[in-house]
N, C-alpha and C. Protein backbone atom coordinates (compact mmCIF):
# COMPACT_ATOMS: atom_id res chain seq x y z
N UNK A 1 210.93 209.52 -165.54
CA UNK A 1 209.56 209.13 -165.19
C UNK A 1 208.74 210.37 -164.85
N UNK A 2 209.34 211.31 -164.09
CA UNK A 2 208.62 212.51 -163.72
C UNK A 2 208.22 213.31 -164.96
N UNK A 3 209.10 213.33 -165.95
CA UNK A 3 208.79 214.11 -167.15
C UNK A 3 207.61 213.47 -167.91
N UNK A 4 207.51 212.13 -167.87
CA UNK A 4 206.38 211.47 -168.52
C UNK A 4 205.07 211.80 -167.82
N UNK A 5 205.10 211.83 -166.50
CA UNK A 5 203.90 212.16 -165.72
C UNK A 5 203.51 213.61 -165.97
N UNK A 6 204.49 214.51 -165.94
CA UNK A 6 204.20 215.91 -166.20
C UNK A 6 203.61 216.10 -167.59
N UNK A 7 204.16 215.40 -168.56
CA UNK A 7 203.66 215.47 -169.95
C UNK A 7 202.21 214.99 -170.01
N UNK A 8 201.94 213.87 -169.36
CA UNK A 8 200.59 213.31 -169.36
C UNK A 8 199.60 214.26 -168.68
N UNK A 9 200.00 214.85 -167.56
CA UNK A 9 199.13 215.78 -166.85
C UNK A 9 198.87 217.04 -167.66
N UNK A 10 199.86 217.47 -168.40
CA UNK A 10 199.73 218.68 -169.22
C UNK A 10 198.67 218.49 -170.30
N UNK A 11 198.55 217.30 -170.87
CA UNK A 11 197.62 217.06 -171.97
C UNK A 11 196.33 216.37 -171.52
N UNK A 12 196.19 216.07 -170.25
CA UNK A 12 194.97 215.41 -169.76
C UNK A 12 193.72 216.23 -170.03
N UNK A 13 193.71 217.56 -169.82
CA UNK A 13 192.50 218.33 -170.13
C UNK A 13 192.10 218.23 -171.60
N UNK A 14 193.06 218.18 -172.49
CA UNK A 14 192.75 218.05 -173.92
C UNK A 14 192.06 216.72 -174.20
N UNK A 15 192.48 215.70 -173.53
CA UNK A 15 191.87 214.39 -173.74
C UNK A 15 190.41 214.40 -173.30
N UNK A 16 190.11 215.13 -172.22
CA UNK A 16 188.72 215.22 -171.75
C UNK A 16 187.86 215.96 -172.76
N UNK A 17 188.36 217.05 -173.32
CA UNK A 17 187.62 217.82 -174.31
C UNK A 17 187.42 216.99 -175.56
N UNK A 18 188.44 216.25 -175.94
CA UNK A 18 188.41 215.49 -177.18
C UNK A 18 187.56 214.23 -177.09
N UNK A 19 187.22 213.80 -175.88
CA UNK A 19 186.46 212.56 -175.76
C UNK A 19 185.16 212.69 -176.52
N UNK A 20 184.82 211.65 -177.20
CA UNK A 20 183.60 211.65 -178.00
C UNK A 20 182.39 211.73 -177.08
N UNK A 21 181.46 212.60 -177.43
CA UNK A 21 180.22 212.71 -176.69
C UNK A 21 179.10 212.16 -177.56
N UNK A 22 178.11 211.62 -176.90
CA UNK A 22 176.98 211.08 -177.66
C UNK A 22 176.19 212.23 -178.28
N UNK A 23 175.46 211.91 -179.32
CA UNK A 23 174.63 212.90 -179.96
C UNK A 23 173.60 213.43 -178.97
N UNK A 24 173.08 212.57 -178.12
CA UNK A 24 172.09 212.99 -177.11
C UNK A 24 172.71 214.00 -176.14
N UNK A 25 173.96 213.77 -175.74
CA UNK A 25 174.64 214.72 -174.85
C UNK A 25 174.82 216.07 -175.55
N UNK A 26 175.21 216.04 -176.80
CA UNK A 26 175.41 217.28 -177.55
C UNK A 26 174.09 218.01 -177.75
N UNK A 27 173.04 217.28 -178.06
CA UNK A 27 171.72 217.91 -178.20
C UNK A 27 171.30 218.58 -176.91
N UNK A 28 171.57 217.94 -175.79
CA UNK A 28 171.22 218.54 -174.49
C UNK A 28 172.04 219.80 -174.25
N UNK A 29 173.30 219.81 -174.64
CA UNK A 29 174.12 221.02 -174.51
C UNK A 29 173.51 222.17 -175.31
N UNK A 30 173.10 221.88 -176.54
CA UNK A 30 172.51 222.92 -177.40
C UNK A 30 171.18 223.38 -176.83
N UNK A 31 170.37 222.44 -176.34
CA UNK A 31 169.09 222.81 -175.73
C UNK A 31 169.31 223.75 -174.54
N UNK A 32 170.31 223.43 -173.71
CA UNK A 32 170.62 224.30 -172.57
C UNK A 32 171.13 225.66 -173.04
N UNK A 33 171.93 225.67 -174.10
CA UNK A 33 172.43 226.94 -174.64
C UNK A 33 171.27 227.79 -175.15
N UNK A 34 170.35 227.18 -175.88
CA UNK A 34 169.19 227.91 -176.40
C UNK A 34 168.32 228.43 -175.27
N UNK A 35 168.13 227.61 -174.24
CA UNK A 35 167.35 228.04 -173.08
C UNK A 35 168.01 229.23 -172.39
N UNK A 36 169.33 229.17 -172.24
CA UNK A 36 170.06 230.30 -171.65
C UNK A 36 169.98 231.54 -172.52
N UNK A 37 170.05 231.34 -173.82
CA UNK A 37 169.94 232.44 -174.77
C UNK A 37 168.57 233.11 -174.64
N UNK A 38 167.51 232.32 -174.60
CA UNK A 38 166.16 232.86 -174.44
C UNK A 38 165.98 233.56 -173.10
N UNK A 39 166.63 233.04 -172.07
CA UNK A 39 166.53 233.63 -170.73
C UNK A 39 167.11 235.04 -170.71
N UNK A 40 168.05 235.34 -171.60
CA UNK A 40 168.60 236.70 -171.62
C UNK A 40 167.51 237.72 -171.93
N UNK A 41 166.53 237.34 -172.75
CA UNK A 41 165.43 238.25 -173.07
C UNK A 41 164.54 238.43 -171.85
N UNK A 42 164.17 237.33 -171.21
CA UNK A 42 163.32 237.41 -170.01
C UNK A 42 164.01 238.20 -168.90
N UNK A 43 165.32 238.04 -168.78
CA UNK A 43 166.09 238.74 -167.74
C UNK A 43 166.44 240.17 -168.12
N UNK A 44 166.17 240.53 -169.42
CA UNK A 44 166.47 241.87 -169.93
C UNK A 44 167.98 242.14 -169.87
N UNK A 45 168.77 241.13 -170.21
CA UNK A 45 170.23 241.18 -170.09
C UNK A 45 170.88 241.13 -171.48
N UNK A 46 171.04 242.30 -172.08
CA UNK A 46 171.60 242.40 -173.43
C UNK A 46 173.03 241.89 -173.48
N UNK A 47 173.83 242.18 -172.47
CA UNK A 47 175.23 241.71 -172.46
C UNK A 47 175.29 240.19 -172.50
N UNK A 48 174.39 239.53 -171.78
CA UNK A 48 174.34 238.07 -171.80
C UNK A 48 173.91 237.58 -173.18
N UNK A 49 172.96 238.26 -173.82
CA UNK A 49 172.55 237.94 -175.19
C UNK A 49 173.76 237.93 -176.11
N UNK A 50 174.55 238.99 -176.04
CA UNK A 50 175.71 239.14 -176.92
C UNK A 50 176.71 238.01 -176.70
N UNK A 51 176.81 237.52 -175.47
CA UNK A 51 177.79 236.46 -175.16
C UNK A 51 177.50 235.15 -175.89
N UNK A 52 176.28 234.97 -176.39
CA UNK A 52 175.92 233.75 -177.11
C UNK A 52 176.21 233.85 -178.61
N UNK A 53 176.59 235.02 -179.09
CA UNK A 53 176.79 235.24 -180.52
C UNK A 53 178.20 234.90 -180.95
N UNK A 54 178.32 234.19 -182.07
CA UNK A 54 179.63 233.99 -182.70
C UNK A 54 180.05 235.32 -183.32
N UNK A 55 181.34 235.55 -183.43
CA UNK A 55 181.83 236.80 -184.01
C UNK A 55 181.27 237.04 -185.40
N UNK A 56 181.07 235.97 -186.17
CA UNK A 56 180.60 236.11 -187.55
C UNK A 56 179.11 235.78 -187.70
N UNK A 57 178.34 235.93 -186.62
CA UNK A 57 176.92 235.61 -186.64
C UNK A 57 176.18 236.42 -187.71
N UNK A 58 175.17 235.78 -188.30
CA UNK A 58 174.28 236.45 -189.24
C UNK A 58 172.85 236.22 -188.76
N UNK A 59 172.13 237.31 -188.54
CA UNK A 59 170.72 237.23 -188.18
C UNK A 59 169.92 237.76 -189.35
N UNK A 60 168.95 236.96 -189.78
CA UNK A 60 168.12 237.34 -190.92
C UNK A 60 166.70 237.60 -190.43
N UNK A 61 166.05 238.45 -191.11
CA UNK A 61 164.67 238.82 -190.78
C UNK A 61 164.27 239.92 -191.75
N UNK A 62 163.60 240.93 -191.22
CA UNK A 62 163.25 242.05 -192.09
C UNK A 62 164.50 242.70 -192.67
N UNK A 63 165.53 242.75 -191.85
CA UNK A 63 166.85 243.22 -192.31
C UNK A 63 167.86 242.16 -191.91
N UNK A 64 169.01 242.18 -192.56
CA UNK A 64 170.05 241.20 -192.23
C UNK A 64 171.16 241.92 -191.46
N UNK A 65 171.54 241.33 -190.32
CA UNK A 65 172.68 241.83 -189.56
C UNK A 65 173.81 240.83 -189.71
N UNK A 66 174.98 241.35 -190.03
CA UNK A 66 176.14 240.51 -190.27
C UNK A 66 177.22 240.87 -189.24
N UNK A 67 177.59 239.90 -188.43
CA UNK A 67 178.64 240.10 -187.44
C UNK A 67 178.06 240.40 -186.07
N UNK A 68 178.79 240.00 -185.05
CA UNK A 68 178.37 240.13 -183.65
C UNK A 68 177.99 241.57 -183.30
N UNK A 69 178.80 242.53 -183.70
CA UNK A 69 178.55 243.93 -183.35
C UNK A 69 177.25 244.44 -183.97
N UNK A 70 177.01 244.10 -185.22
CA UNK A 70 175.80 244.54 -185.91
C UNK A 70 174.55 243.89 -185.31
N UNK A 71 174.63 242.60 -185.00
CA UNK A 71 173.50 241.91 -184.37
C UNK A 71 173.23 242.52 -183.01
N UNK A 72 174.28 242.73 -182.23
CA UNK A 72 174.11 243.30 -180.89
C UNK A 72 173.44 244.66 -180.96
N UNK A 73 173.87 245.49 -181.88
CA UNK A 73 173.29 246.83 -182.02
C UNK A 73 171.82 246.75 -182.44
N UNK A 74 171.51 245.92 -183.42
CA UNK A 74 170.14 245.79 -183.91
C UNK A 74 169.19 245.24 -182.85
N UNK A 75 169.68 244.36 -182.00
CA UNK A 75 168.84 243.74 -180.98
C UNK A 75 168.78 244.51 -179.67
N UNK A 76 169.57 245.54 -179.52
CA UNK A 76 169.59 246.33 -178.28
C UNK A 76 168.19 246.82 -177.93
N UNK A 77 167.43 247.27 -178.94
CA UNK A 77 166.08 247.81 -178.72
C UNK A 77 165.14 246.80 -178.08
N UNK A 78 165.35 245.52 -178.33
CA UNK A 78 164.48 244.50 -177.76
C UNK A 78 164.73 244.30 -176.26
N UNK A 79 165.82 244.84 -175.77
CA UNK A 79 166.19 244.68 -174.37
C UNK A 79 165.88 245.93 -173.54
N UNK A 80 165.30 246.92 -174.18
CA UNK A 80 164.91 248.14 -173.47
C UNK A 80 163.53 247.93 -172.87
N UNK A 81 163.27 248.58 -171.79
CA UNK A 81 161.98 248.44 -171.13
C UNK A 81 161.95 247.27 -170.17
N UNK A 82 160.91 247.23 -169.35
CA UNK A 82 160.82 246.20 -168.32
C UNK A 82 160.23 244.89 -168.82
N UNK A 83 159.40 244.96 -169.86
CA UNK A 83 158.76 243.73 -170.35
C UNK A 83 159.38 243.30 -171.67
N UNK A 84 159.68 242.02 -171.75
CA UNK A 84 160.22 241.47 -172.99
C UNK A 84 159.16 241.53 -174.08
N UNK A 85 159.54 241.95 -175.30
CA UNK A 85 158.56 242.03 -176.38
C UNK A 85 158.19 240.66 -176.97
N UNK A 86 158.99 239.64 -176.68
CA UNK A 86 158.70 238.29 -177.15
C UNK A 86 159.56 237.31 -176.37
N UNK A 87 159.24 236.04 -176.53
CA UNK A 87 160.02 234.96 -175.91
C UNK A 87 160.05 233.80 -176.89
N UNK A 88 160.91 232.84 -176.62
CA UNK A 88 161.01 231.67 -177.49
C UNK A 88 161.50 230.47 -176.70
N UNK A 89 161.26 229.29 -177.25
CA UNK A 89 161.69 228.05 -176.60
C UNK A 89 161.91 226.99 -177.68
N UNK A 90 162.97 226.23 -177.52
CA UNK A 90 163.26 225.22 -178.54
C UNK A 90 162.34 224.02 -178.38
N UNK A 91 161.87 223.53 -179.51
CA UNK A 91 161.11 222.29 -179.57
C UNK A 91 161.95 221.19 -180.20
N UNK A 92 162.75 221.60 -181.19
CA UNK A 92 163.55 220.65 -181.94
C UNK A 92 165.01 221.03 -181.85
N UNK A 93 165.85 220.05 -181.56
CA UNK A 93 167.30 220.24 -181.57
C UNK A 93 167.90 219.05 -182.31
N UNK A 94 168.79 219.34 -183.24
CA UNK A 94 169.50 218.29 -183.97
C UNK A 94 170.96 218.69 -184.10
N UNK A 95 171.86 217.74 -183.90
CA UNK A 95 173.30 217.98 -183.96
C UNK A 95 173.90 217.05 -185.01
N UNK A 96 174.77 217.60 -185.85
CA UNK A 96 175.48 216.77 -186.82
C UNK A 96 176.28 215.70 -186.08
N UNK A 97 176.51 214.56 -186.72
CA UNK A 97 177.31 213.51 -186.10
C UNK A 97 178.73 213.99 -185.78
N UNK A 98 179.23 214.96 -186.53
CA UNK A 98 180.56 215.51 -186.25
C UNK A 98 180.58 216.31 -184.95
N UNK A 99 179.41 216.69 -184.45
CA UNK A 99 179.33 217.47 -183.21
C UNK A 99 179.74 218.92 -183.39
N UNK A 100 179.74 219.42 -184.60
CA UNK A 100 180.22 220.79 -184.84
C UNK A 100 179.12 221.80 -185.10
N UNK A 101 177.99 221.38 -185.66
CA UNK A 101 176.88 222.27 -185.95
C UNK A 101 175.59 221.69 -185.43
N UNK A 102 174.67 222.59 -185.05
CA UNK A 102 173.38 222.15 -184.54
C UNK A 102 172.29 223.11 -184.98
N UNK A 103 171.09 222.58 -185.05
CA UNK A 103 169.90 223.36 -185.32
C UNK A 103 169.02 223.34 -184.09
N UNK A 104 168.51 224.51 -183.74
CA UNK A 104 167.50 224.61 -182.70
C UNK A 104 166.34 225.39 -183.29
N UNK A 105 165.13 224.89 -183.10
CA UNK A 105 163.96 225.53 -183.69
C UNK A 105 162.79 225.40 -182.74
N UNK A 106 161.90 226.40 -182.80
CA UNK A 106 160.73 226.33 -181.94
C UNK A 106 159.88 227.58 -182.06
N UNK A 107 158.85 227.66 -181.22
CA UNK A 107 157.90 228.76 -181.30
C UNK A 107 158.44 230.06 -180.70
N UNK A 108 157.90 231.16 -181.24
CA UNK A 108 158.12 232.50 -180.70
C UNK A 108 156.76 232.98 -180.19
N UNK A 109 156.75 233.60 -179.02
CA UNK A 109 155.51 234.05 -178.39
C UNK A 109 155.54 235.55 -178.13
N UNK A 110 154.36 236.19 -178.22
CA UNK A 110 154.27 237.60 -177.83
C UNK A 110 154.13 237.66 -176.30
N UNK A 111 154.09 238.86 -175.71
CA UNK A 111 154.02 238.95 -174.24
C UNK A 111 152.80 238.30 -173.61
N UNK A 112 151.73 238.10 -174.38
CA UNK A 112 150.53 237.46 -173.83
C UNK A 112 150.60 235.94 -173.91
N UNK A 113 151.65 235.42 -174.56
CA UNK A 113 151.79 233.98 -174.70
C UNK A 113 151.24 233.44 -176.00
N UNK A 114 150.76 234.31 -176.88
CA UNK A 114 150.24 233.87 -178.19
C UNK A 114 151.41 233.60 -179.11
N UNK A 115 151.36 232.48 -179.79
CA UNK A 115 152.43 232.12 -180.73
C UNK A 115 152.35 233.03 -181.95
N UNK A 116 153.49 233.61 -182.29
CA UNK A 116 153.53 234.55 -183.43
C UNK A 116 154.47 234.09 -184.53
N UNK A 117 155.21 233.04 -184.33
CA UNK A 117 156.13 232.58 -185.36
C UNK A 117 156.99 231.44 -184.89
N UNK A 118 158.04 231.20 -185.65
CA UNK A 118 158.99 230.12 -185.37
C UNK A 118 160.40 230.65 -185.60
N UNK A 119 161.30 230.31 -184.71
CA UNK A 119 162.71 230.68 -184.89
C UNK A 119 163.49 229.46 -185.34
N UNK A 120 164.58 229.71 -186.02
CA UNK A 120 165.53 228.67 -186.44
C UNK A 120 166.93 229.21 -186.19
N UNK A 121 167.67 228.56 -185.33
CA UNK A 121 169.04 228.99 -185.01
C UNK A 121 170.02 227.88 -185.34
N UNK A 122 171.13 228.26 -185.95
CA UNK A 122 172.22 227.32 -186.20
C UNK A 122 173.33 227.66 -185.21
N UNK A 123 173.73 226.68 -184.44
CA UNK A 123 174.76 226.82 -183.43
C UNK A 123 176.03 226.12 -183.91
N UNK A 124 177.17 226.70 -183.58
CA UNK A 124 178.46 226.07 -183.90
C UNK A 124 179.19 225.79 -182.59
N UNK A 125 179.77 224.60 -182.51
CA UNK A 125 180.56 224.25 -181.33
C UNK A 125 181.95 224.83 -181.51
N UNK A 126 182.34 225.66 -180.56
CA UNK A 126 183.64 226.34 -180.62
C UNK A 126 184.74 225.42 -180.08
N UNK A 127 185.98 225.83 -180.28
CA UNK A 127 187.12 225.01 -179.85
C UNK A 127 187.11 224.73 -178.36
N UNK A 128 186.56 225.68 -177.57
CA UNK A 128 186.52 225.49 -176.11
C UNK A 128 185.33 224.63 -175.66
N UNK A 129 184.52 224.16 -176.64
CA UNK A 129 183.38 223.31 -176.32
C UNK A 129 182.07 224.07 -176.16
N UNK A 130 182.13 225.39 -176.12
CA UNK A 130 180.90 226.17 -175.99
C UNK A 130 180.16 226.23 -177.32
N UNK A 131 178.89 226.53 -177.26
CA UNK A 131 178.05 226.66 -178.45
C UNK A 131 177.72 228.12 -178.67
N UNK A 132 177.90 228.60 -179.89
CA UNK A 132 177.61 229.99 -180.26
C UNK A 132 176.70 230.00 -181.48
N UNK A 133 175.83 230.98 -181.55
CA UNK A 133 174.94 231.10 -182.70
C UNK A 133 175.69 231.69 -183.87
N UNK A 134 175.57 231.03 -185.04
CA UNK A 134 176.17 231.55 -186.27
C UNK A 134 175.10 232.05 -187.25
N UNK A 135 173.92 231.44 -187.24
CA UNK A 135 172.81 231.90 -188.08
C UNK A 135 171.53 231.89 -187.26
N UNK A 136 170.70 232.91 -187.49
CA UNK A 136 169.39 232.93 -186.85
C UNK A 136 168.40 233.48 -187.86
N UNK A 137 167.27 232.80 -187.98
CA UNK A 137 166.24 233.23 -188.90
C UNK A 137 164.89 232.81 -188.35
N UNK A 138 163.96 233.72 -188.38
CA UNK A 138 162.62 233.38 -187.95
C UNK A 138 161.64 233.62 -189.06
N UNK A 139 160.52 232.92 -188.99
CA UNK A 139 159.49 233.20 -189.97
C UNK A 139 158.82 234.50 -189.55
N UNK A 140 158.28 235.25 -190.49
CA UNK A 140 157.58 236.47 -190.13
C UNK A 140 156.35 236.13 -189.30
N UNK A 141 155.79 237.12 -188.61
CA UNK A 141 154.57 236.83 -187.85
C UNK A 141 153.56 236.11 -188.73
N UNK A 142 152.93 235.12 -188.14
CA UNK A 142 152.01 234.30 -188.92
C UNK A 142 150.81 233.91 -188.10
N UNK A 143 149.81 233.42 -188.76
CA UNK A 143 148.67 232.81 -188.10
C UNK A 143 148.99 231.33 -188.01
N UNK A 144 149.66 230.95 -186.96
CA UNK A 144 150.15 229.58 -186.84
C UNK A 144 149.03 228.57 -186.63
N UNK A 145 147.84 229.05 -186.27
CA UNK A 145 146.72 228.14 -186.07
C UNK A 145 145.99 227.84 -187.37
N UNK A 146 146.24 228.65 -188.40
CA UNK A 146 145.57 228.45 -189.69
C UNK A 146 146.07 227.18 -190.35
N UNK A 147 145.20 226.50 -191.09
CA UNK A 147 145.65 225.29 -191.80
C UNK A 147 146.64 225.65 -192.90
N UNK A 148 147.57 224.78 -193.13
CA UNK A 148 148.55 224.97 -194.20
C UNK A 148 147.88 224.78 -195.55
N UNK A 149 148.31 225.56 -196.55
CA UNK A 149 147.73 225.35 -197.88
C UNK A 149 148.14 224.00 -198.43
N UNK A 150 147.29 223.45 -199.24
CA UNK A 150 147.59 222.16 -199.88
C UNK A 150 148.72 222.34 -200.88
N UNK A 151 149.64 221.39 -200.94
CA UNK A 151 150.72 221.51 -201.93
C UNK A 151 150.15 221.42 -203.34
N UNK A 152 150.77 222.16 -204.24
CA UNK A 152 150.36 222.13 -205.64
C UNK A 152 150.93 220.87 -206.29
N UNK A 153 150.15 220.25 -207.17
CA UNK A 153 150.69 219.04 -207.83
C UNK A 153 151.90 219.39 -208.69
N UNK A 154 152.84 218.50 -208.75
CA UNK A 154 154.06 218.68 -209.53
C UNK A 154 153.81 218.59 -211.03
N UNK A 155 154.83 218.93 -211.80
CA UNK A 155 154.69 218.91 -213.27
C UNK A 155 154.47 217.53 -213.83
């Protein structure tokens, strides 16, 4: 009997991790992760920024950085100085029903609070339940207040 109890106690933490979570719960986890990720810029904490990156992260923009080390090195300059050069906040979060991948997207702001673009981050849920960024891409600086061009008629 004792061995059955010990066996059950040994695997109890796995059962908690494996329990199905609602999509709303997972979306909230990703929203909190994105908020924490953005806070690293406001706090000027590059080491905390790096902690949110998956080992195989790819950041796209003017140049592409492949891998955690390359992204960390390329983004180091944004963490220098007392004032953050930009900030961001998620507006949209969506999680696959499998609970393994998520999208977070929202505005990017300059130091004066003017919107300068939109970020798109893909998060992956790791085996330990944490969320790490695997892809990040933002639109180039834009006039976000300008009207969108009309779509061209199809063939």
